[in-house]
Amino acid sequence: MLSSTSRQTVMEKINSKLGFQIKEEELSPNVRQSITNISMVQRHLYVIMEILRGEESRVSGNPLLSFASRLGKDSGRKERLDLSEQISKLQAEIDNKISEIADRILAEYNARAAGEPIPGSQRKIEAVKLKCPTCGANLPIPTGRFVRCEFCKSTISIQDVSTQISGLIQSI
């Protein structure tokens, strides 16, 4: 469900930037893979944002934690604020990548209309995955503050995951 919602959101943004509706089946495999990759990154980011919202809700819903936060005694507040700022920057990077994808789609349409080869069609685009920094195995989608590698059992913080997401965005 979250996967199709992320893809639908990305497609809506692309269509909005293009000013017309596109069908994915009309796009080159590279552009379709880019859409898949950015959707996956968007999904991971959405999950991290929900984890952060849950933590904020937990603090604001607990009178003692809320009082401690107002007094500046909430030890995780700065970390949550830093992560929230990092997420905002990542979302801006994703929006920029979506604009780049829309530009590539337009270039494909123009090339087809002119009977020219599709630009960048020789470039191979791989599926992006979050990787464990210890063993290189694929990481699952975060469900809490930490992600546990199913292969080597290393624990990775969502700050480290969000840093890795930035690299994934650049590779798309």
C-alpha atoms as a PDB file:
ATOM      1  CA  MET A   1       0.000   0.000   0.000  1.00  0.00           C
ATOM      2  CA  LEU A   2       2.682   2.486   1.020  1.00  0.00           C
ATOM      3  CA  SER A   3       4.694   1.497  -2.037  1.00  0.00           C
ATOM      4  CA  SER A   4       1.874   2.231  -4.485  1.00  0.00           C
ATOM      5  CA  THR A   5       1.015   5.450  -2.642  1.00  0.00           C
ATOM      6  CA  SER A   6       4.633   6.655  -2.922  1.00  0.00           C
ATOM      7  CA  ARG A   7       4.730   5.813  -6.625  1.00  0.00           C
ATOM      8  CA  GLN A   8       1.385   7.526  -7.202  1.00  0.00           C
ATOM      9  CA  THR A   9       2.609  10.645  -5.377  1.00  0.00           C
ATOM     10  CA  VAL A  10       5.783  10.735  -7.489  1.00  0.00           C
ATOM     11  CA  MET A  11       3.776  10.284 -10.697  1.00  0.00           C
ATOM     12  CA  GLU A  12       1.399  13.086  -9.688  1.00  0.00           C
ATOM     13  CA  LYS A  13       4.347  15.411  -9.083  1.00  0.00           C
ATOM     14  CA  ILE A  14       5.899  14.483 -12.430  1.00  0.00           C
ATOM     15  CA  ASN A  15       2.605  15.040 -14.264  1.00  0.00           C
ATOM     16  CA  SER A  16       2.189  18.370 -12.505  1.00  0.00           C
ATOM     17  CA  LYS A  17       5.670  19.508 -13.541  1.00  0.00           C
ATOM     18  CA  LEU A  18       5.115  18.334 -17.128  1.00  0.00           C
ATOM     19  CA  GLY A  19       1.703  19.947 -17.393  1.00  0.00           C
ATOM     20  CA  PHE A  20       0.225  16.823 -18.997  1.00  0.00           C
ATOM     21  CA  GLN A  21      -0.502  13.211 -18.052  1.00  0.00           C
ATOM     22  CA  ILE A  22       1.983  10.491 -18.925  1.00  0.00           C
ATOM     23  CA  LYS A  23       1.642   6.733 -18.940  1.00  0.00           C
ATOM     24  CA  GLU A  24       4.557   4.843 -17.479  1.00  0.00           C
ATOM     25  CA  GLU A  25       4.453   2.207 -20.196  1.00  0.00           C
ATOM     26  CA  GLU A  26       5.344   4.939 -22.721  1.00  0.00           C
ATOM     27  CA  LEU A  27       8.587   5.748 -20.888  1.00  0.00           C
ATOM     28  CA  SER A  28      12.016   4.259 -21.373  1.00  0.00           C
ATOM     29  CA  PRO A  29      13.132   1.540 -18.959  1.00  0.00           C
ATOM     30  CA  ASN A  30      15.700   3.940 -17.451  1.00  0.00           C
ATOM     31  CA  VAL A  31      13.081   6.554 -16.611  1.00  0.00           C
ATOM     32  CA  ARG A  32      10.742   3.897 -15.198  1.00  0.00           C
ATOM     33  CA  GLN A  33      13.586   2.592 -13.010  1.00  0.00           C
ATOM     34  CA  SER A  34      14.310   6.159 -11.851  1.00  0.00           C
ATOM     35  CA  ILE A  35      10.637   6.525 -10.890  1.00  0.00           C
ATOM     36  CA  THR A  36      10.808   3.221  -9.006  1.00  0.00           C
ATOM     37  CA  ASN A  37      13.975   4.332  -7.200  1.00  0.00           C
ATOM     38  CA  ILE A  38      12.656   7.747  -6.199  1.00  0.00           C
ATOM     39  CA  SER A  39       9.408   6.120  -5.030  1.00  0.00           C
ATOM     40  CA  MET A  40      11.368   3.714  -2.843  1.00  0.00           C
ATOM     41  CA  VAL A  41      13.416   6.546  -1.361  1.00  0.00           C
ATOM     42  CA  GLN A  42      10.233   8.578  -0.813  1.00  0.00           C
ATOM     43  CA  ARG A  43       8.674   5.589   0.992  1.00  0.00           C
ATOM     44  CA  HIS A  44      11.664   5.244   3.343  1.00  0.00           C
ATOM     45  CA  LEU A  45      11.589   8.955   4.068  1.00  0.00           C
ATOM     46  CA  TYR A  46       7.851   8.836   4.761  1.00  0.00           C
ATOM     47  CA  VAL A  47       8.346   6.013   7.279  1.00  0.00           C
ATOM     48  CA  ILE A  48      11.114   7.955   9.045  1.00  0.00           C
ATOM     49  CA  MET A  49       8.863  11.054   9.193  1.00  0.00           C
ATOM     50  CA  GLU A  50       6.094   8.948  10.768  1.00  0.00           C
ATOM     51  CA  ILE A  51       8.521   7.554  13.360  1.00  0.00           C
ATOM     52  CA  LEU A  52       9.559  11.103  14.207  1.00  0.00           C
ATOM     53  CA  ARG A  53       5.922  12.262  14.437  1.00  0.00           C
ATOM     54  CA  GLY A  54       5.188   9.344  16.740  1.00  0.00           C
ATOM     55  CA  GLU A  55       8.015  10.352  19.043  1.00  0.00           C
ATOM     56  CA  GLU A  56       6.835  13.971  19.105  1.00  0.00           C
ATOM     57  CA  SER A  57       3.294  12.798  19.808  1.00  0.00           C
ATOM     58  CA  ARG A  58       4.532  10.568  22.636  1.00  0.00           C
ATOM     59  CA  VAL A  59       6.361  13.490  24.250  1.00  0.00           C
ATOM     60  CA  SER A  60       3.501  15.972  23.832  1.00  0.00           C
ATOM     61  CA  GLY A  61       0.933  13.400  25.044  1.00  0.00           C
ATOM     62  CA  ASN A  62       2.791  12.643  28.257  1.00  0.00           C
ATOM     63  CA  PRO A  63       2.482  15.507  30.795  1.00  0.00           C
ATOM     64  CA  LEU A  64       5.804  14.700  32.469  1.00  0.00           C
ATOM     65  CA  LEU A  65       7.734  14.454  29.200  1.00  0.00           C
ATOM     66  CA  SER A  66       5.997  17.563  27.869  1.00  0.00           C
ATOM     67  CA  PHE A  67       6.929  19.522  30.993  1.00  0.00           C
ATOM     68  CA  ALA A  68      10.544  18.288  30.780  1.00  0.00           C
ATOM     69  CA  SER A  69      10.648  19.340  27.144  1.00  0.00           C
ATOM     70  CA  ARG A  70       9.440  22.863  27.963  1.00  0.00           C
ATOM     71  CA  LEU A  71      12.139  23.094  30.634  1.00  0.00           C
ATOM     72  CA  GLY A  72      14.781  22.039  28.112  1.00  0.00           C
ATOM     73  CA  LYS A  73      15.350  18.702  29.852  1.00  0.00           C
ATOM     74  CA  ASP A  74      14.217  16.566  26.908  1.00  0.00           C
ATOM     75  CA  SER A  75      17.469  14.861  25.925  1.00  0.00           C
ATOM     76  CA  GLY A  76      16.117  13.676  22.565  1.00  0.00           C
ATOM     77  CA  ARG A  77      14.604  16.999  21.461  1.00  0.00           C
ATOM     78  CA  LYS A  78      17.731  18.314  19.732  1.00  0.00           C
ATOM     79  CA  GLU A  79      18.211  14.989  17.999  1.00  0.00           C
ATOM     80  CA  ARG A  80      14.574  15.016  16.810  1.00  0.00           C
ATOM     81  CA  LEU A  81      14.908  18.610  15.598  1.00  0.00           C
ATOM     82  CA  ASP A  82      18.144  17.802  13.743  1.00  0.00           C
ATOM     83  CA  LEU A  83      16.551  14.759  12.126  1.00  0.00           C
ATOM     84  CA  SER A  84      13.470  16.774  11.183  1.00  0.00           C
ATOM     85  CA  GLU A  85      15.704  19.379   9.494  1.00  0.00           C
ATOM     86  CA  GLN A  86      17.613  16.622   7.696  1.00  0.00           C
ATOM     87  CA  ILE A  87      14.324  15.115   6.485  1.00  0.00           C
ATOM     88  CA  SER A  88      13.225  18.499   5.113  1.00  0.00           C
ATOM     89  CA  LYS A  89      16.479  18.764   3.161  1.00  0.00           C
ATOM     90  CA  LEU A  90      16.055  15.221   1.835  1.00  0.00           C
ATOM     91  CA  GLN A  91      12.509  16.005   0.720  1.00  0.00           C
ATOM     92  CA  ALA A  92      13.833  19.035  -1.173  1.00  0.00           C
ATOM     93  CA  GLU A  93      16.439  16.774  -2.841  1.00  0.00           C
ATOM     94  CA  ILE A  94      13.684  14.330  -3.808  1.00  0.00           C
ATOM     95  CA  ASP A  95      11.614  17.157  -5.292  1.00  0.00           C
ATOM     96  CA  ASN A  96      14.667  18.265  -7.321  1.00  0.00           C
ATOM     97  CA  LYS A  97      15.161  14.699  -8.591  1.00  0.00           C
ATOM     98  CA  ILE A  98      11.491  14.538  -9.582  1.00  0.00           C
ATOM     99  CA  SER A  99      12.028  17.732 -11.602  1.00  0.00           C
ATOM    100  CA  GLU A 100      15.065  16.136 -13.266  1.00  0.00           C
ATOM    101  CA  ILE A 101      13.001  13.047 -14.111  1.00  0.00           C
ATOM    102  CA  ALA A 102      10.280  15.273 -15.607  1.00  0.00           C
ATOM    103  CA  ASP A 103      12.974  16.973 -17.722  1.00  0.00           C
ATOM    104  CA  ARG A 104      14.224  13.559 -18.912  1.00  0.00           C
ATOM    105  CA  ILE A 105      10.670  12.561 -19.835  1.00  0.00           C
ATOM    106  CA  LEU A 106      10.239  15.759 -21.824  1.00  0.00           C
ATOM    107  CA  ALA A 107      13.567  15.129 -23.582  1.00  0.00           C
ATOM    108  CA  GLU A 108      12.369  11.604 -24.467  1.00  0.00           C
ATOM    109  CA  TYR A 109       9.093  12.944 -25.868  1.00  0.00           C
ATOM    110  CA  ASN A 110      10.908  15.571 -27.924  1.00  0.00           C
ATOM    111  CA  ALA A 111      13.401  13.000 -29.254  1.00  0.00           C
ATOM    112  CA  ARG A 112      10.603  10.620 -30.241  1.00  0.00           C
ATOM    113  CA  ALA A 113       8.721  13.445 -31.978  1.00  0.00           C
ATOM    114  CA  ALA A 114      11.876  14.371 -33.926  1.00  0.00           C
ATOM    115  CA  GLY A 115      12.640  10.726 -34.754  1.00  0.00           C
ATOM    116  CA  GLU A 116      15.913  10.858 -32.834  1.00  0.00           C
ATOM    117  CA  PRO A 117      17.351   8.302 -30.398  1.00  0.00           C
ATOM    118  CA  ILE A 118      16.190   8.642 -26.815  1.00  0.00           C
ATOM    119  CA  PRO A 119      18.836  10.539 -24.810  1.00  0.00           C
ATOM    120  CA  GLY A 120      20.510   8.559 -22.033  1.00  0.00           C
ATOM    121  CA  SER A 121      18.908   5.263 -23.041  1.00  0.00           C
ATOM    122  CA  GLN A 122      22.292   3.490 -23.053  1.00  0.00           C
ATOM    123  CA  ARG A 123      22.919   4.417 -19.416  1.00  0.00           C
ATOM    124  CA  LYS A 124      22.054   1.518 -17.083  1.00  0.00           C
ATOM    125  CA  ILE A 125      20.179   2.532 -13.945  1.00  0.00           C
ATOM    126  CA  GLU A 126      20.199   0.064 -11.061  1.00  0.00           C
ATOM    127  CA  ALA A 127      17.568  -0.387  -8.369  1.00  0.00           C
ATOM    128  CA  VAL A 128      18.598   1.438  -5.207  1.00  0.00           C
ATOM    129  CA  LYS A 129      18.517  -0.225  -1.801  1.00  0.00           C
ATOM    130  CA  LEU A 130      19.492   0.773   1.695  1.00  0.00           C
ATOM    131  CA  LYS A 131      22.575  -1.224   2.686  1.00  0.00           C
ATOM    132  CA  CYS A 132      23.983  -2.283   6.039  1.00  0.00           C
ATOM    133  CA  PRO A 133      27.227  -0.336   6.576  1.00  0.00           C
ATOM    134  CA  THR A 134      28.732  -3.368   8.311  1.00  0.00           C
ATOM    135  CA  CYS A 135      28.036  -6.231   5.904  1.00  0.00           C
ATOM    136  CA  GLY A 136      26.402  -4.638   2.833  1.00  0.00           C
ATOM    137  CA  ALA A 137      23.139  -6.608   3.090  1.00  0.00           C
ATOM    138  CA  ASN A 138      19.861  -4.918   2.136  1.00  0.00           C
ATOM    139  CA  LEU A 139      18.183  -3.222   5.093  1.00  0.00           C
ATOM    140  CA  PRO A 140      14.468  -3.459   5.799  1.00  0.00           C
ATOM    141  CA  ILE A 141      12.285  -0.359   5.972  1.00  0.00           C
ATOM    142  CA  PRO A 142      12.744   1.275   9.398  1.00  0.00           C
ATOM    143  CA  THR A 143       9.999   0.602  11.932  1.00  0.00           C
ATOM    144  CA  GLY A 144      11.522   2.496  14.824  1.00  0.00           C
ATOM    145  CA  ARG A 145      14.467   4.611  15.881  1.00  0.00           C
ATOM    146  CA  PHE A 146      16.842   1.829  14.842  1.00  0.00           C
ATOM    147  CA  VAL A 147      17.015  -0.659  11.978  1.00  0.00           C
ATOM    148  CA  ARG A 148      18.450  -4.100  12.609  1.00  0.00           C
ATOM    149  CA  CYS A 149      20.320  -5.845   9.829  1.00  0.00           C
ATOM    150  CA  GLU A 150      18.727  -9.237   9.344  1.00  0.00           C
ATOM    151  CA  PHE A 151      22.042 -10.723   8.187  1.00  0.00           C
ATOM    152  CA  CYS A 152      24.748  -9.533  10.620  1.00  0.00           C
ATOM    153  CA  LYS A 153      22.398  -8.241  13.362  1.00  0.00           C
ATOM    154  CA  SER A 154      24.043  -4.768  13.393  1.00  0.00           C
ATOM    155  CA  THR A 155      21.870  -1.921  14.637  1.00  0.00           C
ATOM    156  CA  ILE A 156      21.717   1.230  12.513  1.00  0.00           C
ATOM    157  CA  SER A 157      20.089   4.485  13.663  1.00  0.00           C
ATOM    158  CA  ILE A 158      17.556   6.252  11.476  1.00  0.00           C
ATOM    159  CA  GLN A 159      19.993   9.193  11.342  1.00  0.00           C
ATOM    160  CA  ASP A 160      22.461   6.892   9.570  1.00  0.00           C
ATOM    161  CA  VAL A 161      19.654   5.623   7.330  1.00  0.00           C
ATOM    162  CA  SER A 162      18.644   9.190   6.409  1.00  0.00           C
ATOM    163  CA  THR A 163      22.274   9.994   5.572  1.00  0.00           C
ATOM    164  CA  GLN A 164      22.344   6.947   3.285  1.00  0.00           C
ATOM    165  CA  ILE A 165      19.086   8.113   1.679  1.00  0.00           C
ATOM    166  CA  SER A 166      20.823  11.306   0.590  1.00  0.00           C
ATOM    167  CA  GLY A 167      23.400   9.223  -1.284  1.00  0.00           C
ATOM    168  CA  LEU A 168      20.640   7.166  -2.883  1.00  0.00           C
ATOM    169  CA  ILE A 169      18.899  10.308  -4.114  1.00  0.00           C
ATOM    170  CA  GLN A 170      22.128  11.495  -5.750  1.00  0.00           C
ATOM    171  CA  SER A 171      22.541   8.162  -7.569  1.00  0.00           C
ATOM    172  CA  ILE A 172      19.120   8.368  -9.233  1.00  0.00           C
END
